[in-house]
Amino acid sequence: MGPDTLVVLCSQTGTTKETVRAANHAKDRGATTIGMTLDQTSPLARAVDHQLPTRPRTRRAKQSMQPTAMTACSTCCSPV
């Protein structure tokens, strides 16, 4: 892990201690970090270099049209 590493971290609330700790660990080693969370003021949002804002899913919207932190991470970070 170093300057050529990109780490994407996902937490719905942005308060999961292990995820925030992982963000800090990655940044301490020079990696670029991206956080995906519902709360843009959360500890995770403050810990990462860049944020990808997400929003909660609503009953009226189709699931495929309402990205959440977990579905967005599953989509962009799943192994192919």
C-alpha atoms as a PDB file:
ATOM      1  CA  MET A   1       0.000   0.000   0.000  1.00  0.00           C
ATOM      2  CA  GLY A   2       1.359   3.366  -0.994  1.00  0.00           C
ATOM      3  CA  PRO A   3       0.894   6.417  -3.234  1.00  0.00           C
ATOM      4  CA  ASP A   4      -0.293   4.274  -6.157  1.00  0.00           C
ATOM      5  CA  THR A   5      -3.058   2.653  -4.090  1.00  0.00           C
ATOM      6  CA  LEU A   6      -6.734   3.644  -4.113  1.00  0.00           C
ATOM      7  CA  VAL A   7      -8.842   2.474  -1.168  1.00  0.00           C
ATOM      8  CA  VAL A   8     -12.665   2.712  -1.309  1.00  0.00           C
ATOM      9  CA  LEU A   9     -14.414   2.509   2.059  1.00  0.00           C
ATOM     10  CA  CYS A  10     -18.143   2.092   2.597  1.00  0.00           C
ATOM     11  CA  SER A  11     -20.227   2.660   5.687  1.00  0.00           C
ATOM     12  CA  GLN A  12     -23.888   3.530   5.683  1.00  0.00           C
ATOM     13  CA  THR A  13     -23.635   5.739   8.792  1.00  0.00           C
ATOM     14  CA  GLY A  14     -19.958   6.608   8.434  1.00  0.00           C
ATOM     15  CA  THR A  15     -19.355   5.773  12.088  1.00  0.00           C
ATOM     16  CA  THR A  16     -18.127   2.173  11.881  1.00  0.00           C
ATOM     17  CA  LYS A  17     -14.914   2.292  13.904  1.00  0.00           C
ATOM     18  CA  GLU A  18     -13.142  -0.393  11.883  1.00  0.00           C
ATOM     19  CA  THR A  19     -13.871   1.399   8.612  1.00  0.00           C
ATOM     20  CA  VAL A  20     -12.658   4.753   9.937  1.00  0.00           C
ATOM     21  CA  ARG A  21      -9.563   3.026  11.314  1.00  0.00           C
ATOM     22  CA  ALA A  22      -8.942   1.427   7.905  1.00  0.00           C
ATOM     23  CA  ALA A  23      -9.227   4.846   6.219  1.00  0.00           C
ATOM     24  CA  ASN A  24      -6.659   6.320   8.588  1.00  0.00           C
ATOM     25  CA  HIS A  25      -4.381   3.283   8.141  1.00  0.00           C
ATOM     26  CA  ALA A  26      -4.495   3.649   4.352  1.00  0.00           C
ATOM     27  CA  LYS A  27      -3.876   7.404   4.454  1.00  0.00           C
ATOM     28  CA  ASP A  28      -0.957   6.961   6.859  1.00  0.00           C
ATOM     29  CA  ARG A  29       0.647   4.739   4.225  1.00  0.00           C
ATOM     30  CA  GLY A  30       0.112   7.251   1.427  1.00  0.00           C
ATOM     31  CA  ALA A  31      -2.932   5.703  -0.276  1.00  0.00           C
ATOM     32  CA  THR A  32      -5.699   7.832  -1.734  1.00  0.00           C
ATOM     33  CA  THR A  33      -8.998   7.155   0.018  1.00  0.00           C
ATOM     34  CA  ILE A  34     -12.601   7.478  -1.110  1.00  0.00           C
ATOM     35  CA  GLY A  35     -15.490   7.187   1.339  1.00  0.00           C
ATOM     36  CA  MET A  36     -19.077   6.334   0.535  1.00  0.00           C
ATOM     37  CA  THR A  37     -21.545   7.161   3.287  1.00  0.00           C
ATOM     38  CA  LEU A  38     -24.932   8.731   3.912  1.00  0.00           C
ATOM     39  CA  ASP A  39     -23.565  11.313   6.375  1.00  0.00           C
ATOM     40  CA  GLN A  40     -21.125  13.767   4.808  1.00  0.00           C
ATOM     41  CA  THR A  41     -20.128  15.026   8.286  1.00  0.00           C
ATOM     42  CA  SER A  42     -19.405  11.564   9.725  1.00  0.00           C
ATOM     43  CA  PRO A  43     -16.017  10.391  11.025  1.00  0.00           C
ATOM     44  CA  LEU A  44     -15.482   8.416   7.801  1.00  0.00           C
ATOM     45  CA  ALA A  45     -16.314  11.417   5.620  1.00  0.00           C
ATOM     46  CA  ARG A  46     -13.797  13.496   7.569  1.00  0.00           C
ATOM     47  CA  ALA A  47     -11.123  10.780   7.416  1.00  0.00           C
ATOM     48  CA  VAL A  48     -11.043  10.216   3.643  1.00  0.00           C
ATOM     49  CA  ASP A  49      -9.507  12.263   0.851  1.00  0.00           C
ATOM     50  CA  HIS A  50     -12.652  12.243  -1.296  1.00  0.00           C
ATOM     51  CA  GLN A  51     -16.347  11.557  -0.689  1.00  0.00           C
ATOM     52  CA  LEU A  52     -18.948   9.975  -2.918  1.00  0.00           C
ATOM     53  CA  PRO A  53     -22.220  11.105  -1.368  1.00  0.00           C
ATOM     54  CA  THR A  54     -25.027   8.579  -1.220  1.00  0.00           C
ATOM     55  CA  ARG A  55     -28.614   8.869  -0.085  1.00  0.00           C
ATOM     56  CA  PRO A  56     -31.034   6.512   1.604  1.00  0.00           C
ATOM     57  CA  ARG A  57     -33.271   4.405  -0.542  1.00  0.00           C
ATOM     58  CA  THR A  58     -36.898   5.503  -0.585  1.00  0.00           C
ATOM     59  CA  ARG A  59     -39.947   3.268  -0.959  1.00  0.00           C
ATOM     60  CA  ARG A  60     -41.194   5.195  -3.980  1.00  0.00           C
ATOM     61  CA  ALA A  61     -38.006   4.930  -6.003  1.00  0.00           C
ATOM     62  CA  LYS A  62     -36.910   1.763  -7.688  1.00  0.00           C
ATOM     63  CA  GLN A  63     -33.966   0.156  -5.956  1.00  0.00           C
ATOM     64  CA  SER A  64     -31.793   0.385  -9.078  1.00  0.00           C
ATOM     65  CA  MET A  65     -32.275   4.155  -9.190  1.00  0.00           C
ATOM     66  CA  GLN A  66     -31.443   4.909  -5.540  1.00  0.00           C
ATOM     67  CA  PRO A  67     -27.741   4.337  -4.853  1.00  0.00           C
ATOM     68  CA  THR A  68     -26.848   3.650  -1.268  1.00  0.00           C
ATOM     69  CA  ALA A  69     -23.392   3.287   0.210  1.00  0.00           C
ATOM     70  CA  MET A  70     -23.637  -0.493   0.229  1.00  0.00           C
ATOM     71  CA  THR A  71     -25.143  -0.955  -3.255  1.00  0.00           C
ATOM     72  CA  ALA A  72     -22.698   1.542  -4.741  1.00  0.00           C
ATOM     73  CA  CYS A  73     -19.750  -0.287  -3.176  1.00  0.00           C
ATOM     74  CA  SER A  74     -21.102  -3.602  -4.391  1.00  0.00           C
ATOM     75  CA  THR A  75     -21.429  -2.197  -7.891  1.00  0.00           C
ATOM     76  CA  CYS A  76     -18.070  -0.481  -8.216  1.00  0.00           C
ATOM     77  CA  CYS A  77     -15.914  -2.719  -6.066  1.00  0.00           C
ATOM     78  CA  SER A  78     -17.081  -6.261  -6.746  1.00  0.00           C
ATOM     79  CA  PRO A  79     -14.523  -8.518  -8.362  1.00  0.00           C
ATOM     80  CA  VAL A  80     -15.254  -9.282 -11.997  1.00  0.00           C
END
